[in-house]
C-alpha atoms as a PDB file:
ATOM      1  CA  MET A   1      30.492 -19.085  99.888  1.00  0.00           C
ATOM      2  CA  GLU A   2      29.028 -21.683  97.698  1.00  0.00           C
ATOM      3  CA  GLU A   3      26.679 -19.351  95.636  1.00  0.00           C
ATOM      4  CA  LYS A   4      29.800 -17.145  95.136  1.00  0.00           C
ATOM      5  CA  ASN A   5      31.662 -20.016  93.629  1.00  0.00           C
ATOM      6  CA  LEU A   6      29.148 -21.379  91.311  1.00  0.00           C
ATOM      7  CA  LYS A   7      28.735 -17.867  90.049  1.00  0.00           C
ATOM      8  CA  GLU A   8      32.415 -17.469  89.598  1.00  0.00           C
ATOM      9  CA  LYS A   9      32.122 -21.063  87.586  1.00  0.00           C
ATOM     10  CA  ARG A  10      29.376 -19.996  85.269  1.00  0.00           C
ATOM     11  CA  GLU A  11      31.428 -16.752  84.477  1.00  0.00           C
ATOM     12  CA  THR A  12      34.580 -18.823  83.741  1.00  0.00           C
ATOM     13  CA  ILE A  13      32.569 -21.246  81.531  1.00  0.00           C
ATOM     14  CA  ILE A  14      30.836 -18.665  79.717  1.00  0.00           C
ATOM     15  CA  THR A  15      34.327 -16.705  79.164  1.00  0.00           C
ATOM     16  CA  ILE A  16      35.782 -19.897  77.867  1.00  0.00           C
ATOM     17  CA  VAL A  17      32.548 -20.329  75.602  1.00  0.00           C
ATOM     18  CA  PHE A  18      32.820 -16.954  74.253  1.00  0.00           C
ATOM     19  CA  SER A  19      36.654 -17.332  73.574  1.00  0.00           C
ATOM     20  CA  ALA A  20      36.179 -20.436  71.898  1.00  0.00           C
ATOM     21  CA  ILE A  21      33.692 -18.656  69.422  1.00  0.00           C
ATOM     22  CA  MET A  22      35.818 -16.064  68.852  1.00  0.00           C
ATOM     23  CA  VAL A  23      38.714 -18.045  68.007  1.00  0.00           C
ATOM     24  CA  LEU A  24      36.342 -20.262  65.707  1.00  0.00           C
ATOM     25  CA  ALA A  25      35.172 -17.186  63.970  1.00  0.00           C
ATOM     26  CA  ILE A  26      39.129 -15.874  63.366  1.00  0.00           C
ATOM     27  CA  VAL A  27      39.737 -19.392  62.079  1.00  0.00           C
ATOM     28  CA  ALA A  28      36.611 -19.456  59.812  1.00  0.00           C
ATOM     29  CA  MET A  29      37.261 -15.885  58.713  1.00  0.00           C
ATOM     30  CA  VAL A  30      41.334 -16.899  58.006  1.00  0.00           C
ATOM     31  CA  ILE A  31      39.644 -20.079  55.858  1.00  0.00           C
ATOM     32  CA  ILE A  32      37.381 -17.920  53.879  1.00  0.00           C
ATOM     33  CA  PHE A  33      39.928 -15.585  53.427  1.00  0.00           C
ATOM     34  CA  ALA A  34      42.427 -18.410  51.894  1.00  0.00           C
ATOM     35  CA  ILE A  35      39.944 -20.203  49.843  1.00  0.00           C
ATOM     36  CA  ARG A  36      38.889 -16.330  48.194  1.00  0.00           C
ATOM     37  CA  LYS A  37      42.574 -15.814  47.250  1.00  0.00           C
ATOM     38  CA  ALA A  38      43.296 -19.287  46.043  1.00  0.00           C
ATOM     39  CA  SER A  39      40.128 -18.922  43.548  1.00  0.00           C
ATOM     40  CA  ALA A  40      41.259 -15.515  42.653  1.00  0.00           C
ATOM     41  CA  GLU A  41      44.602 -16.995  42.122  1.00  0.00           C
ATOM     42  CA  GLU A  42      43.600 -19.512  39.755  1.00  0.00           C
ATOM     43  CA  ALA A  43      40.923 -17.402  38.040  1.00  0.00           C
ATOM     44  CA  ILE A  44      44.063 -14.611  37.124  1.00  0.00           C
ATOM     45  CA  ALA A  45      46.110 -18.180  36.115  1.00  0.00           C
ATOM     46  CA  GLU A  46      43.056 -19.025  34.050  1.00  0.00           C
ATOM     47  CA  VAL A  47      42.714 -15.346  32.311  1.00  0.00           C
ATOM     48  CA  GLU A  48      46.499 -14.829  32.284  1.00  0.00           C
ATOM     49  CA  PRO A  49      47.326 -17.571  29.380  1.00  0.00           C
ATOM     50  CA  ASP A  50      44.104 -16.165  27.324  1.00  0.00           C
ATOM     51  CA  ARG A  51      45.494 -12.361  27.405  1.00  0.00           C
ATOM     52  CA  VAL A  52      48.621 -13.490  26.688  1.00  0.00           C
ATOM     53  CA  THR A  53      47.220 -15.586  23.797  1.00  0.00           C
ATOM     54  CA  THR A  54      45.149 -12.749  22.717  1.00  0.00           C
ATOM     55  CA  GLN A  55      48.084 -10.406  22.607  1.00  0.00           C
ATOM     56  CA  LYS A  56      49.859 -13.019  20.862  1.00  0.00           C
ATOM     57  CA  VAL A  57      47.358 -13.822  18.158  1.00  0.00           C
ATOM     58  CA  PHE A  58      46.888 -10.348  17.764  1.00  0.00           C
ATOM     59  CA  VAL A  59      50.286  -9.402  17.305  1.00  0.00           C
ATOM     60  CA  GLU A  60      50.898 -12.307  14.926  1.00  0.00           C
ATOM     61  CA  LYS A  61      47.798 -11.213  13.235  1.00  0.00           C
ATOM     62  CA  ASP A  62      49.610  -7.537  12.753  1.00  0.00           C
ATOM     63  CA  LYS A  63      52.392  -9.393  11.052  1.00  0.00           C
ATOM     64  CA  ILE A  64      50.478 -11.503   8.843  1.00  0.00           C
ATOM     65  CA  VAL A  65      48.632  -8.390   7.734  1.00  0.00           C
ATOM     66  CA  GLU A  66      52.030  -7.173   6.952  1.00  0.00           C
ATOM     67  CA  VAL A  67      53.171  -9.949   5.016  1.00  0.00           C
ATOM     68  CA  GLU A  68      49.792 -10.153   3.295  1.00  0.00           C
ATOM     69  CA  VAL A  69      50.329  -6.803   2.063  1.00  0.00           C
ATOM     70  CA  GLU A  70      53.391  -7.521   0.566  1.00  0.00           C
ATOM     71  CA  LYS A  71      51.989 -10.776  -0.908  1.00  0.00           C
ATOM     72  CA  GLU A  72      48.985  -9.281  -2.058  1.00  0.00           C
ATOM     73  CA  ILE A  73      50.656  -6.657  -4.330  1.00  0.00           C
ATOM     74  CA  THR A  74      49.718  -9.280  -7.407  1.00  0.00           C
ATOM     75  CA  GLN A  75      47.887  -9.199 -11.085  1.00  0.00           C
ATOM     76  CA  GLU A  76      45.107 -10.881  -9.022  1.00  0.00           C
ATOM     77  CA  VAL A  77      44.834  -8.142  -6.089  1.00  0.00           C
ATOM     78  CA  ILE A  78      45.029  -5.354  -8.765  1.00  0.00           C
ATOM     79  CA  GLN A  79      42.513  -7.168 -11.033  1.00  0.00           C
ATOM     80  CA  ASP A  80      39.998  -7.846  -8.231  1.00  0.00           C
ATOM     81  CA  GLY A  81      40.413  -4.115  -6.903  1.00  0.00           C
ATOM     82  CA  LEU A  82      39.679  -2.774 -10.615  1.00  0.00           C
ATOM     83  CA  ARG A  83      36.895  -5.445 -10.814  1.00  0.00           C
ATOM     84  CA  ASP A  84      35.490  -4.162  -7.970  1.00  0.00           C
ATOM     85  CA  MET A  85      34.466  -1.111  -9.237  1.00  0.00           C
ATOM     86  CA  GLY A  86      31.658  -2.582 -11.676  1.00  0.00           C
ATOM     87  CA  VAL A  87      30.510  -0.605 -14.757  1.00  0.00           C
ATOM     88  CA  LEU A  88      31.933   2.454 -14.606  1.00  0.00           C
ATOM     89  CA  ILE A  89      30.541   5.766 -15.938  1.00  0.00           C
ATOM     90  CA  THR A  90      33.360   7.320 -17.454  1.00  0.00           C
ATOM     91  CA  GLU A  91      31.903  10.139 -19.914  1.00  0.00           C
ATOM     92  CA  GLU A  92      28.393  11.997 -20.316  1.00  0.00           C
ATOM     93  CA  TYR A  93      27.209  13.589 -23.449  1.00  0.00           C
ATOM     94  CA  TYR A  94      24.435  15.879 -22.642  1.00  0.00           C
ATOM     95  CA  PHE A  95      21.933  16.883 -25.363  1.00  0.00           C
ATOM     96  CA  THR A  96      18.774  18.999 -26.300  1.00  0.00           C
ATOM     97  CA  MET A  97      17.307  17.035 -29.454  1.00  0.00           C
ATOM     98  CA  VAL A  98      14.250  18.504 -31.647  1.00  0.00           C
ATOM     99  CA  GLU A  99      12.483  15.904 -33.284  1.00  0.00           C
ATOM    100  CA  ASN A 100      10.093  16.271 -36.178  1.00  0.00           C
ATOM    101  CA  TYR A 101       7.623  13.372 -35.543  1.00  0.00           C
ATOM    102  CA  VAL A 102       5.883  12.409 -39.140  1.00  0.00           C
ATOM    103  CA  LYS A 103       2.856   9.803 -39.311  1.00  0.00           C
ATOM    104  CA  SER A 104       1.031   8.761 -42.821  1.00  0.00           C
ATOM    105  CA  LYS A 105      -1.698   6.752 -43.742  1.00  0.00           C
ATOM    106  CA  THR A 106      -3.187   6.273 -47.338  1.00  0.00           C
ATOM    107  CA  PHE A 107      -6.551   5.335 -48.062  1.00  0.00           C
ATOM    108  CA  MET A 108      -7.830   3.986 -50.958  1.00  0.00           C
ATOM    109  CA  LYS A 109      -4.671   3.997 -52.741  1.00  0.00           C
ATOM    110  CA  PHE A 110      -4.850   8.003 -53.647  1.00  0.00           C
ATOM    111  CA  ILE A 111      -5.969   9.704 -49.743  1.00  0.00           C
ATOM    112  CA  THR A 112      -3.231  10.417 -47.542  1.00  0.00           C
ATOM    113  CA  SER A 113      -4.044  11.793 -44.100  1.00  0.00           C
ATOM    114  CA  GLU A 114      -0.491  12.930 -42.184  1.00  0.00           C
ATOM    115  CA  SER A 115      -0.306  13.706 -38.640  1.00  0.00           C
ATOM    116  CA  ALA A 116       3.074  15.176 -37.446  1.00  0.00           C
ATOM    117  CA  PHE A 117       4.347  17.104 -34.102  1.00  0.00           C
ATOM    118  CA  ILE A 118       7.828  18.865 -33.342  1.00  0.00           C
ATOM    119  CA  TYR A 119       9.004  18.073 -29.870  1.00  0.00           C
ATOM    120  CA  SER A 120      12.668  18.676 -27.791  1.00  0.00           C
ATOM    121  CA  TYR A 121      13.799  17.007 -24.863  1.00  0.00           C
ATOM    122  CA  ASP A 122      16.592  17.514 -22.711  1.00  0.00           C
ATOM    123  CA  GLY A 123      18.958  14.433 -21.653  1.00  0.00           C
ATOM    124  CA  VAL A 124      22.036  12.756 -21.255  1.00  0.00           C
ATOM    125  CA  VAL A 125      23.871   9.828 -22.754  1.00  0.00           C
ATOM    126  CA  THR A 126      26.437   7.821 -20.421  1.00  0.00           C
ATOM    127  CA  ALA A 127      29.149   5.854 -21.813  1.00  0.00           C
ATOM    128  CA  GLY A 128      31.633   3.498 -19.869  1.00  0.00           C
ATOM    129  CA  VAL A 129      33.649   0.231 -18.825  1.00  0.00           C
ATOM    130  CA  ASP A 130      32.962  -2.693 -17.732  1.00  0.00           C
ATOM    131  CA  PHE A 131      35.712  -3.328 -15.280  1.00  0.00           C
ATOM    132  CA  ASN A 132      34.358  -7.172 -14.585  1.00  0.00           C
ATOM    133  CA  GLU A 133      35.888  -7.739 -17.757  1.00  0.00           C
ATOM    134  CA  ILE A 134      39.309  -6.536 -16.739  1.00  0.00           C
ATOM    135  CA  LYS A 135      42.223  -8.517 -17.017  1.00  0.00           C
ATOM    136  CA  VAL A 136      45.940  -7.834 -15.452  1.00  0.00           C
ATOM    137  CA  VAL A 137      49.258  -9.358 -16.607  1.00  0.00           C
ATOM    138  CA  ARG A 138      52.186  -8.520 -14.357  1.00  0.00           C
ATOM    139  CA  ASP A 139      55.873  -9.199 -15.797  1.00  0.00           C
ATOM    140  CA  LYS A 140      58.000  -9.275 -13.254  1.00  0.00           C
ATOM    141  CA  ALA A 141      61.176  -9.697 -15.322  1.00  0.00           C
ATOM    142  CA  ASN A 142      60.537  -6.921 -17.613  1.00  0.00           C
ATOM    143  CA  LYS A 143      59.020  -4.534 -14.852  1.00  0.00           C
ATOM    144  CA  LYS A 144      55.574  -4.037 -16.792  1.00  0.00           C
ATOM    145  CA  ILE A 145      52.196  -4.694 -15.797  1.00  0.00           C
ATOM    146  CA  LEU A 146      49.707  -4.960 -18.414  1.00  0.00           C
ATOM    147  CA  ILE A 147      45.954  -4.057 -18.175  1.00  0.00           C
ATOM    148  CA  LYS A 148      43.730  -5.160 -20.940  1.00  0.00           C
ATOM    149  CA  VAL A 149      40.453  -3.427 -20.929  1.00  0.00           C
ATOM    150  CA  PRO A 150      36.956  -3.963 -23.058  1.00  0.00           C
ATOM    151  CA  ALA A 151      36.204  -1.243 -25.308  1.00  0.00           C
ATOM    152  CA  SER A 152      33.650   1.685 -23.742  1.00  0.00           C
ATOM    153  CA  GLU A 153      30.251   1.164 -24.457  1.00  0.00           C
ATOM    154  CA  ILE A 154      26.943   3.530 -24.638  1.00  0.00           C
ATOM    155  CA  GLN A 155      25.416   2.456 -20.907  1.00  0.00           C
ATOM    156  CA  ASN A 156      22.134   4.214 -21.050  1.00  0.00           C
ATOM    157  CA  VAL A 157      20.228   7.529 -22.279  1.00  0.00           C
ATOM    158  CA  ASP A 158      18.146   9.247 -19.753  1.00  0.00           C
ATOM    159  CA  ILE A 159      15.628  11.547 -20.469  1.00  0.00           C
ATOM    160  CA  ASP A 160      14.684  14.704 -18.867  1.00  0.00           C
ATOM    161  CA  PHE A 161      11.029  14.609 -19.089  1.00  0.00           C
ATOM    162  CA  ASP A 162      10.395  17.517 -17.400  1.00  0.00           C
ATOM    163  CA  SER A 163      12.158  19.476 -20.340  1.00  0.00           C
ATOM    164  CA  PHE A 164       9.763  18.208 -22.836  1.00  0.00           C
ATOM    165  CA  LYS A 165       8.755  21.055 -24.893  1.00  0.00           C
ATOM    166  CA  ILE A 166       6.312  20.650 -27.967  1.00  0.00           C
ATOM    167  CA  TYR A 167       6.468  23.337 -30.656  1.00  0.00           C
ATOM    168  CA  SER A 168       3.512  22.013 -33.318  1.00  0.00           C
ATOM    169  CA  GLU A 169       1.043  19.622 -33.362  1.00  0.00           C
ATOM    170  CA  LYS A 170      -0.760  18.424 -36.698  1.00  0.00           C
ATOM    171  CA  GLU A 171      -3.521  15.384 -36.532  1.00  0.00           C
ATOM    172  CA  GLY A 172      -4.588  14.248 -39.891  1.00  0.00           C
ATOM    173  CA  LEU A 173      -8.007  13.316 -41.002  1.00  0.00           C
ATOM    174  CA  TRP A 174      -8.583   9.703 -39.793  1.00  0.00           C
ATOM    175  CA  ASN A 175      -4.965   9.569 -38.708  1.00  0.00           C
ATOM    176  CA  PRO A 176      -4.788  11.038 -34.904  1.00  0.00           C
ATOM    177  CA  ILE A 177      -1.845  10.599 -32.349  1.00  0.00           C
ATOM    178  CA  LYS A 178      -1.926   8.161 -30.083  1.00  0.00           C
ATOM    179  CA  MET A 179       0.461   7.746 -27.240  1.00  0.00           C
ATOM    180  CA  SER A 180       2.248   4.664 -29.235  1.00  0.00           C
ATOM    181  CA  ASP A 181       3.275   7.543 -31.473  1.00  0.00           C
ATOM    182  CA  TYR A 182       5.284   9.243 -28.636  1.00  0.00           C
ATOM    183  CA  ASN A 183       6.683   6.425 -27.517  1.00  0.00           C
ATOM    184  CA  GLU A 184       7.851   5.555 -30.824  1.00  0.00           C
ATOM    185  CA  SER A 185       8.837   9.068 -31.601  1.00  0.00           C
ATOM    186  CA  MET A 186      10.964   8.404 -28.299  1.00  0.00           C
ATOM    187  CA  VAL A 187      12.712   5.298 -29.020  1.00  0.00           C
ATOM    188  CA  GLU A 188      13.886   7.078 -32.357  1.00  0.00           C
ATOM    189  CA  LEU A 189      14.969  10.344 -30.092  1.00  0.00           C
ATOM    190  CA  LYS A 190      17.222   8.173 -28.240  1.00  0.00           C
ATOM    191  CA  LYS A 191      18.947   6.637 -31.321  1.00  0.00           C
ATOM    192  CA  ALA A 192      19.464  10.284 -32.786  1.00  0.00           C
ATOM    193  CA  ALA A 193      20.855  11.006 -29.263  1.00  0.00           C
ATOM    194  CA  ILE A 194      23.180   8.042 -29.086  1.00  0.00           C
ATOM    195  CA  ASN A 195      24.452   8.749 -33.072  1.00  0.00           C
ATOM    196  CA  LYS A 196      25.440  12.034 -32.262  1.00  0.00           C
ATOM    197  CA  ALA A 197      27.018  11.345 -28.778  1.00  0.00           C
ATOM    198  CA  GLU A 198      28.975   9.296 -30.794  1.00  0.00           C
ATOM    199  CA  GLU A 199      29.957  11.404 -33.301  1.00  0.00           C
ATOM    200  CA  LYS A 200      31.383  13.248 -30.664  1.00  0.00           C
ATOM    201  CA  ASP A 201      33.788  10.659 -29.641  1.00  0.00           C
ATOM    202  CA  ILE A 202      32.019  10.151 -26.121  1.00  0.00           C
ATOM    203  CA  LEU A 203      33.554   6.357 -26.778  1.00  0.00           C
ATOM    204  CA  LYS A 204      36.784   7.319 -27.444  1.00  0.00           C
ATOM    205  CA  ARG A 205      36.913  10.077 -24.831  1.00  0.00           C
ATOM    206  CA  ALA A 206      35.440   7.145 -22.305  1.00  0.00           C
ATOM    207  CA  ASP A 207      38.484   4.914 -23.108  1.00  0.00           C
ATOM    208  CA  GLU A 208      40.691   7.308 -22.484  1.00  0.00           C
ATOM    209  CA  GLU A 209      39.367   8.503 -19.011  1.00  0.00           C
ATOM    210  CA  ALA A 210      39.202   4.561 -18.234  1.00  0.00           C
ATOM    211  CA  SER A 211      42.607   4.447 -18.735  1.00  0.00           C
ATOM    212  CA  GLU A 212      43.546   7.265 -16.655  1.00  0.00           C
ATOM    213  CA  ILE A 213      41.536   5.839 -13.889  1.00  0.00           C
ATOM    214  CA  ILE A 214      43.353   2.724 -14.236  1.00  0.00           C
ATOM    215  CA  GLU A 215      46.948   3.771 -14.473  1.00  0.00           C
ATOM    216  CA  ASN A 216      45.930   5.818 -11.049  1.00  0.00           C
ATOM    217  CA  PHE A 217      44.795   2.984  -9.402  1.00  0.00           C
ATOM    218  CA  VAL A 218      47.984   0.828 -10.620  1.00  0.00           C
ATOM    219  CA  LYS A 219      50.361   3.716  -9.576  1.00  0.00           C
ATOM    220  CA  SER A 220      48.794   3.499  -5.772  1.00  0.00           C
ATOM    221  CA  PHE A 221      50.568  -0.259  -5.716  1.00  0.00           C
ATOM    222  CA  PHE A 222      53.580   0.248  -6.937  1.00  0.00           C
ATOM    223  CA  ASP A 223      56.296   2.961  -8.016  1.00  0.00           C
ATOM    224  CA  LYS A 224      55.582   4.554 -11.118  1.00  0.00           C
ATOM    225  CA  ASN A 225      59.278   5.051 -11.803  1.00  0.00           C
ATOM    226  CA  GLU A 226      59.527   0.998 -11.342  1.00  0.00           C
ATOM    227  CA  TYR A 227      56.932  -0.388 -13.542  1.00  0.00           C
ATOM    228  CA  GLN A 228      55.750   0.527 -16.928  1.00  0.00           C
ATOM    229  CA  ILE A 229      51.996   0.279 -16.917  1.00  0.00           C
ATOM    230  CA  VAL A 230      50.261  -0.499 -20.110  1.00  0.00           C
ATOM    231  CA  VAL A 231      46.852  -0.080 -20.726  1.00  0.00           C
ATOM    232  CA  GLU A 232      45.060  -2.373 -23.815  1.00  0.00           C
ATOM    233  CA  GLN A 233      41.604  -2.601 -25.166  1.00  0.00           C
ATOM    234  CA  MET A 234      41.074  -6.233 -26.180  1.00  0.00           C
END
């Protein structure tokens, strides 16, 4: 009988201990869940203002951009936009030049030795405007935009060396043709090409093309019927 009572007491104690452990486990789980929920809420509370701020900043930036677009249509912005183009090639003149190079030397005051060669090259002369020097004046009262532009200049002479052709070559006694002679003749060829291009009004056409580019650029900012656009050379 005593053994039976002892066994029942042990079972009762085990049941109580187990129940206590279960209760503690449940309480611990509730506490952990509450802590996690609180942490999550704090994290959300910390993140939400940033999101709202970011959205507000983004919206404000959009508004600022819209306002700036209105403010940016000024003579400074137009001028900066044109100057960003740098030196703009507005006209090209393609050529084929035939040159007759002659080199003479006189010996003992009465003996002349002459060397010569005739050759040709293809190439292109380019002309353009330095847009870095452009000045813009906006007259709001008279609805006029004045753009002052520097005159066009010859920018370069490019020779197509693959197009070289030689037609005749003669070397005089004690007067051989040297590489320096070819270099000197090339300088003369470039000068002749520039002169020919200028005779063909390359600079005038370059000015006209530059004016058209400038007018189209300014018209992208303003209604052409709202402002009179005037391009003048400095």
